[in-house]
Amino acid sequence: MASVEFGVAIPSSKGIPEFAQKVERMGFDYLTSGEHMMFHGPVANSLIALAVAAGATSRIKLMSSVVLLPLYTPMVVAKQASVLDVASNGRYHMGIGIGGEFPKEFEAVGVPVKQRGSRTNEALEIIKRLWTEKNVTFDGRYTKFSGVTISPAPVQKPHPPIWVAGRKEPAMRRAAIYGDGWLPYMYTPEMLHDSLEKIQQFGREAGRDLSHFRPGLFIFASVYKDRDFAVQQAAKALGGTYAQDFSQIAARYTLSGSAEDCRKRLKEYVDAGARSVMLSWACRHEDIDDNMKHFAEEIAPAFR
């Protein structure tokens, strides 16, 4: 079986240095952070959270999971990400998504929610050029500038890896054209397999070599000896985060149950193509440390 990388999402904007060091000590490959401008409860900013984590760690890779790209001016993201890559000595990976599930944040930054896909595609084109070229000129639908150079440029060459998140076909096409990896969420193994086949097809159509493309997965996890209890906790945690009822779908879209349950389900995702798995804990907050320990010691080693 191919080796699998594992990452862990930062659960809170408080205590990031200590949490980051713990995750690094446990041997995880990535530390990740998501974001919203505003949501149903407190939520981080990915680039700031990862910058704090960068200063507290030395080896672990740092991934945005994800930057909501249409909410930013492309130049601002390119600059911040470049500085973060330099500050972390080349450890930053930029996961991006288009958002849209919370329209008020689009209204708040003056971006029409219906433009989020086209703005994201244009932004990705701009960011890749700003990371790899000097004296960049761009004349697009949303952005126009000339003679722009970002300094310092990113440490990683040709640029920090770009992971495209999403669930639907436009996101798959975006991943095939602009991405170095795919990071779907709320996915089954069957959905993952089908999406990877479509990405390869879109890559061929675009004339892009995807031989080094990294198939990933973002998944919520709840590790307890009793599977029913684990699923119940996952549904409760996700219901609180997203303000909707997950009781009927938590078992389908999460890693829930004992270590053995999680290993079996995870193998289905790995067999479907997943090689980089990012975990967000959907358990009781006070059980996060135990969940991480169980995963690091009893689940991850089976896939190394």
Protein backbone atom coordinates (compact mmCIF):
# COMPACT_ATOMS: atom_id res chain seq x y z
CA MET A 1 0.00 0.00 0.00
CA ALA A 2 1.24 3.51 -0.84
CA SER A 3 2.38 5.67 2.08
CA VAL A 4 -0.15 8.20 3.35
CA GLU A 5 0.47 11.63 4.89
CA PHE A 6 -1.69 12.85 7.77
CA GLY A 7 -2.53 16.34 8.96
CA VAL A 8 -4.47 17.82 11.87
CA ALA A 9 -6.61 20.97 11.91
CA ILE A 10 -6.06 23.63 14.57
CA PRO A 11 -9.25 23.53 16.71
CA SER A 12 -9.12 27.03 18.21
CA SER A 13 -7.45 30.41 17.83
CA LYS A 14 -6.30 30.08 21.44
CA GLY A 15 -3.27 28.02 22.41
CA ILE A 16 -1.97 27.59 18.86
CA PRO A 17 1.78 27.35 19.74
CA GLU A 18 1.26 24.59 22.29
CA PHE A 19 -1.15 22.67 20.04
CA ALA A 20 1.19 22.98 17.04
CA GLN A 21 4.14 21.64 19.02
CA LYS A 22 2.05 18.71 20.27
CA VAL A 23 0.96 17.77 16.74
CA GLU A 24 4.56 17.98 15.51
CA ARG A 25 5.80 15.78 18.39
CA MET A 26 3.15 13.17 17.59
CA GLY A 27 4.60 12.78 14.09
CA PHE A 28 1.82 14.23 11.97
CA ASP A 29 2.92 15.60 8.59
CA TYR A 30 0.73 18.71 8.42
CA LEU A 31 -0.91 21.26 10.64
CA THR A 32 -3.90 22.89 8.95
CA SER A 33 -6.23 25.81 9.53
CA GLY A 34 -9.48 26.81 7.91
CA GLU A 35 -11.15 30.19 7.99
CA HIS A 36 -14.19 32.35 7.49
CA MET A 37 -14.59 36.10 7.82
CA MET A 38 -17.72 35.29 9.82
CA PHE A 39 -19.57 32.04 10.50
CA HIS A 40 -21.95 30.39 12.99
CA GLY A 41 -19.39 30.66 15.79
CA PRO A 42 -15.77 31.69 16.44
CA VAL A 43 -13.52 30.86 13.50
CA ALA A 44 -9.86 31.44 12.67
CA ASN A 45 -8.04 33.17 9.85
CA SER A 46 -5.90 30.56 8.17
CA LEU A 47 -2.82 32.62 7.32
CA ILE A 48 -2.61 34.22 10.75
CA ALA A 49 -3.16 30.93 12.61
CA LEU A 50 -0.48 29.21 10.54
CA ALA A 51 1.94 32.10 11.00
CA VAL A 52 1.63 31.65 14.77
CA ALA A 53 2.17 27.89 14.33
CA ALA A 54 5.18 28.49 12.09
CA GLY A 55 6.99 30.30 14.87
CA ALA A 56 6.38 27.46 17.32
CA THR A 57 7.46 24.56 15.06
CA SER A 58 10.37 23.59 12.83
CA ARG A 59 9.44 20.57 10.70
CA ILE A 60 5.70 20.14 10.23
CA LYS A 61 4.14 21.39 6.99
CA LEU A 62 1.55 24.16 7.28
CA MET A 63 -1.60 23.98 5.15
CA SER A 64 -4.51 26.35 4.70
CA SER A 65 -7.62 24.19 4.71
CA VAL A 66 -8.69 26.50 3.24
CA VAL A 67 -8.16 30.15 2.26
CA LEU A 68 -11.49 31.46 0.95
CA LEU A 69 -9.83 32.99 -2.06
CA PRO A 70 -12.64 35.13 -3.58
CA LEU A 71 -12.84 37.16 -0.35
CA TYR A 72 -9.32 38.55 -0.91
CA THR A 73 -7.51 40.73 -3.40
CA PRO A 74 -5.15 38.26 -5.15
CA MET A 75 -2.09 40.43 -4.54
CA VAL A 76 -2.74 40.41 -0.78
CA VAL A 77 -2.95 36.59 -0.61
CA ALA A 78 0.11 36.17 -2.82
CA LYS A 79 2.15 38.50 -0.61
CA GLN A 80 1.00 37.03 2.72
CA ALA A 81 1.51 33.46 1.54
CA SER A 82 4.95 34.26 0.15
CA VAL A 83 6.07 35.82 3.44
CA LEU A 84 4.66 32.83 5.36
CA ASP A 85 6.59 30.44 3.13
CA VAL A 86 9.81 32.40 3.76
CA ALA A 87 9.16 32.72 7.50
CA SER A 88 8.49 28.97 7.81
CA ASN A 89 11.48 28.04 5.64
CA GLY A 90 9.38 26.59 2.84
CA ARG A 91 6.70 24.73 4.78
CA TYR A 92 3.53 26.48 3.55
CA HIS A 93 0.89 24.75 1.40
CA MET A 94 -2.03 26.87 0.17
CA GLY A 95 -5.36 25.08 0.13
CA ILE A 96 -8.08 27.20 -1.47
CA GLY A 97 -11.85 27.09 -1.71
CA ILE A 98 -14.58 29.34 -3.05
CA GLY A 99 -16.88 29.30 0.01
CA GLY A 100 -20.44 30.48 -0.43
CA GLU A 101 -22.17 28.63 2.41
CA PHE A 102 -22.25 31.85 4.45
CA PRO A 103 -23.30 34.63 2.02
CA LYS A 104 -23.12 37.39 4.65
CA GLU A 105 -19.32 37.29 4.61
CA PHE A 106 -19.36 37.95 0.86
CA GLU A 107 -21.71 40.87 1.38
CA ALA A 108 -19.42 42.19 4.13
CA VAL A 109 -16.36 42.32 1.85
CA GLY A 110 -18.27 43.60 -1.18
CA VAL A 111 -17.92 40.50 -3.36
CA PRO A 112 -21.02 39.11 -5.15
CA VAL A 113 -21.36 35.48 -4.08
CA LYS A 114 -22.20 34.44 -7.66
CA GLN A 115 -18.77 35.63 -8.80
CA ARG A 116 -16.85 33.44 -6.36
CA GLY A 117 -15.86 30.77 -8.90
CA SER A 118 -14.69 33.12 -11.64
CA ARG A 119 -12.87 35.34 -9.14
CA THR A 120 -11.08 32.32 -7.69
CA ASN A 121 -9.90 31.10 -11.11
CA GLU A 122 -8.56 34.53 -11.98
CA ALA A 123 -6.91 34.87 -8.57
CA LEU A 124 -5.12 31.52 -8.97
CA GLU A 125 -3.72 32.61 -12.31
CA ILE A 126 -2.51 35.88 -10.78
CA ILE A 127 -1.02 34.32 -7.65
CA LYS A 128 0.97 31.70 -9.56
CA ARG A 129 2.43 34.42 -11.80
CA LEU A 130 3.27 36.70 -8.86
CA TRP A 131 5.02 33.81 -7.10
CA THR A 132 7.13 32.85 -10.11
CA GLU A 133 7.70 36.00 -12.22
CA LYS A 134 8.94 39.57 -11.88
CA ASN A 135 7.38 42.75 -13.31
CA VAL A 136 4.03 41.04 -13.76
CA THR A 137 1.31 42.75 -15.79
CA PHE A 138 -2.25 41.47 -15.66
CA ASP A 139 -5.41 42.67 -17.39
CA GLY A 140 -8.33 40.57 -16.18
CA ARG A 141 -12.03 40.80 -15.49
CA TYR A 142 -11.59 41.73 -11.81
CA THR A 143 -7.94 42.72 -11.48
CA LYS A 144 -5.68 45.00 -13.51
CA PHE A 145 -2.09 45.99 -12.70
CA SER A 146 1.33 46.37 -14.29
CA GLY A 147 4.97 46.03 -13.27
CA VAL A 148 4.35 44.16 -10.01
CA THR A 149 7.05 42.07 -8.28
CA ILE A 150 6.61 40.28 -4.96
CA SER A 151 9.68 40.27 -2.74
CA PRO A 152 10.58 38.13 -0.91
CA ALA A 153 9.53 35.42 -3.33
CA PRO A 154 8.45 32.07 -1.86
CA VAL A 155 11.16 29.63 -0.78
CA GLN A 156 9.53 26.64 -2.50
CA LYS A 157 10.10 26.33 -6.23
CA PRO A 158 8.37 26.78 -8.52
CA HIS A 159 5.94 27.89 -5.78
CA PRO A 160 4.14 26.66 -2.65
CA PRO A 161 1.81 23.75 -3.51
CA ILE A 162 -1.78 24.73 -4.26
CA TRP A 163 -4.50 22.36 -3.04
CA VAL A 164 -7.99 22.90 -4.42
CA ALA A 165 -10.90 22.03 -2.16
CA GLY A 166 -14.51 21.45 -3.09
CA ARG A 167 -17.07 18.79 -3.86
CA LYS A 168 -18.38 19.43 -7.36
CA GLU A 169 -17.18 19.29 -10.94
CA PRO A 170 -16.11 22.96 -11.29
CA ALA A 171 -13.77 22.44 -8.32
CA MET A 172 -12.36 19.29 -9.96
CA ARG A 173 -11.71 21.24 -13.15
CA ARG A 174 -10.07 24.02 -11.09
CA ALA A 175 -7.84 21.44 -9.42
CA ALA A 176 -6.82 19.96 -12.78
CA ILE A 177 -5.95 23.35 -14.30
CA TYR A 178 -4.41 25.20 -11.33
CA GLY A 179 -3.81 22.73 -8.52
CA ASP A 180 -1.03 20.50 -7.23
CA GLY A 181 -3.46 18.56 -5.05
CA TRP A 182 -7.16 17.84 -4.45
CA LEU A 183 -8.74 18.29 -1.01
CA PRO A 184 -12.43 17.36 -1.11
CA TYR A 185 -14.56 17.27 2.04
CA MET A 186 -17.79 15.53 3.08
CA TYR A 187 -16.88 12.78 0.62
CA THR A 188 -17.33 9.02 0.48
CA PRO A 189 -14.60 6.74 -0.94
CA GLU A 190 -16.73 6.27 -4.06
CA MET A 191 -17.00 10.01 -4.57
CA LEU A 192 -13.25 10.39 -4.11
CA HIS A 193 -12.48 7.71 -6.71
CA ASP A 194 -14.84 9.26 -9.26
CA SER A 195 -13.49 12.77 -8.64
CA LEU A 196 -9.88 11.68 -9.19
CA GLU A 197 -10.79 10.08 -12.50
CA LYS A 198 -12.50 13.30 -13.61
CA ILE A 199 -9.52 15.43 -12.53
CA GLN A 200 -7.19 13.29 -14.64
CA GLN A 201 -9.59 13.66 -17.58
CA PHE A 202 -9.76 17.45 -17.15
CA GLY A 203 -5.97 17.54 -16.89
CA ARG A 204 -5.60 15.71 -20.20
CA GLU A 205 -8.08 18.08 -21.83
CA ALA A 206 -6.08 21.05 -20.54
CA GLY A 207 -2.80 19.53 -21.70
CA ARG A 208 -1.46 19.44 -18.13
CA ASP A 209 0.80 16.74 -16.74
CA LEU A 210 -0.74 15.55 -13.46
CA SER A 211 1.75 12.75 -12.75
CA HIS A 212 2.85 14.52 -9.55
CA PHE A 213 -0.66 15.63 -8.54
CA ARG A 214 -1.44 14.72 -4.91
CA PRO A 215 -4.88 13.18 -4.17
CA GLY A 216 -6.03 14.33 -0.74
CA LEU A 217 -9.01 14.25 1.57
CA PHE A 218 -10.29 16.50 4.36
CA ILE A 219 -12.34 14.48 6.83
CA PHE A 220 -13.85 14.89 10.28
CA ALA A 221 -12.90 12.25 12.83
CA SER A 222 -14.30 10.99 16.13
CA VAL A 223 -12.34 8.16 17.77
CA TYR A 224 -14.07 6.34 20.64
CA LYS A 225 -14.32 2.65 21.50
CA ASP A 226 -18.10 2.71 21.07
CA ARG A 227 -18.97 3.38 17.42
CA ASP A 228 -22.50 4.65 18.09
CA PHE A 229 -21.18 7.10 20.66
CA ALA A 230 -18.46 8.23 18.25
CA VAL A 231 -20.99 8.90 15.48
CA GLN A 232 -23.25 10.71 17.94
CA GLN A 233 -20.38 12.98 19.01
CA ALA A 234 -19.44 13.67 15.39
CA ALA A 235 -23.03 14.62 14.54
CA LYS A 236 -23.21 16.89 17.58
CA ALA A 237 -19.90 18.61 16.82
CA LEU A 238 -20.67 19.16 13.14
CA GLY A 239 -24.21 20.30 13.93
CA GLY A 240 -22.77 22.99 16.18
CA THR A 241 -20.19 24.09 13.60
CA TYR A 242 -22.50 24.22 10.59
CA ALA A 243 -25.85 24.92 12.31
CA GLN A 244 -27.61 22.00 10.62
CA ASP A 245 -28.62 18.43 11.47
CA PHE A 246 -25.89 15.82 10.81
CA SER A 247 -27.53 12.92 12.64
CA GLN A 248 -28.42 11.06 9.43
CA ILE A 249 -25.15 11.63 7.55
CA ALA A 250 -22.36 11.74 10.15
CA ALA A 251 -21.61 8.02 9.82
CA ARG A 252 -21.35 8.33 6.04
CA TYR A 253 -18.96 11.27 5.86
CA THR A 254 -16.76 10.95 8.96
CA LEU A 255 -14.15 8.60 10.41
CA SER A 256 -16.00 7.50 13.51
CA GLY A 257 -15.65 4.63 15.96
CA SER A 258 -12.85 2.58 17.44
CA ALA A 259 -9.32 2.56 16.06
CA GLU A 260 -10.21 -0.61 14.15
CA ASP A 261 -13.38 0.98 12.74
CA CYS A 262 -11.38 4.01 11.59
CA ARG A 263 -8.61 1.89 10.05
CA LYS A 264 -11.16 -0.08 8.02
CA ARG A 265 -12.94 3.02 6.76
CA LEU A 266 -9.70 4.87 6.09
CA LYS A 267 -8.45 1.94 4.00
CA GLU A 268 -11.46 2.43 1.73
CA TYR A 269 -10.41 6.04 1.15
CA VAL A 270 -6.80 5.03 0.55
CA ASP A 271 -7.91 2.32 -1.89
CA ALA A 272 -9.93 5.04 -3.65
CA GLY A 273 -6.75 7.09 -4.08
CA ALA A 274 -6.27 9.30 -0.99
CA ARG A 275 -2.59 9.94 -0.19
CA SER A 276 -2.82 13.04 2.03
CA VAL A 277 -5.53 12.94 4.71
CA MET A 278 -6.30 16.06 6.76
CA LEU A 279 -8.25 15.46 9.96
CA SER A 280 -10.52 17.81 11.85
CA TRP A 281 -11.69 16.50 15.22
CA ALA A 282 -15.45 16.10 15.53
CA CYS A 283 -15.35 14.90 19.11
CA ARG A 284 -15.84 16.53 22.51
CA HIS A 285 -13.31 19.35 22.87
CA GLU A 286 -11.85 17.79 26.02
CA ASP A 287 -11.24 14.54 24.10
CA ILE A 288 -9.17 16.05 21.26
CA ASP A 289 -5.83 15.07 22.82
CA ASP A 290 -6.99 11.47 23.32
CA ASN A 291 -8.36 11.35 19.76
CA MET A 292 -5.03 12.57 18.39
CA LYS A 293 -3.08 10.07 20.48
CA HIS A 294 -5.26 7.15 19.38
CA PHE A 295 -4.93 8.21 15.75
CA ALA A 296 -1.16 8.73 15.87
CA GLU A 297 -0.48 5.45 17.70
CA GLU A 298 -3.19 3.05 16.53
CA ILE A 299 -4.45 4.23 13.12
CA ALA A 300 -1.79 6.17 11.18
CA PRO A 301 0.99 3.51 11.48
CA ALA A 302 -1.09 1.08 9.39
CA PHE A 303 -0.77 3.45 6.42
CA ARG A 304 2.86 4.56 6.72
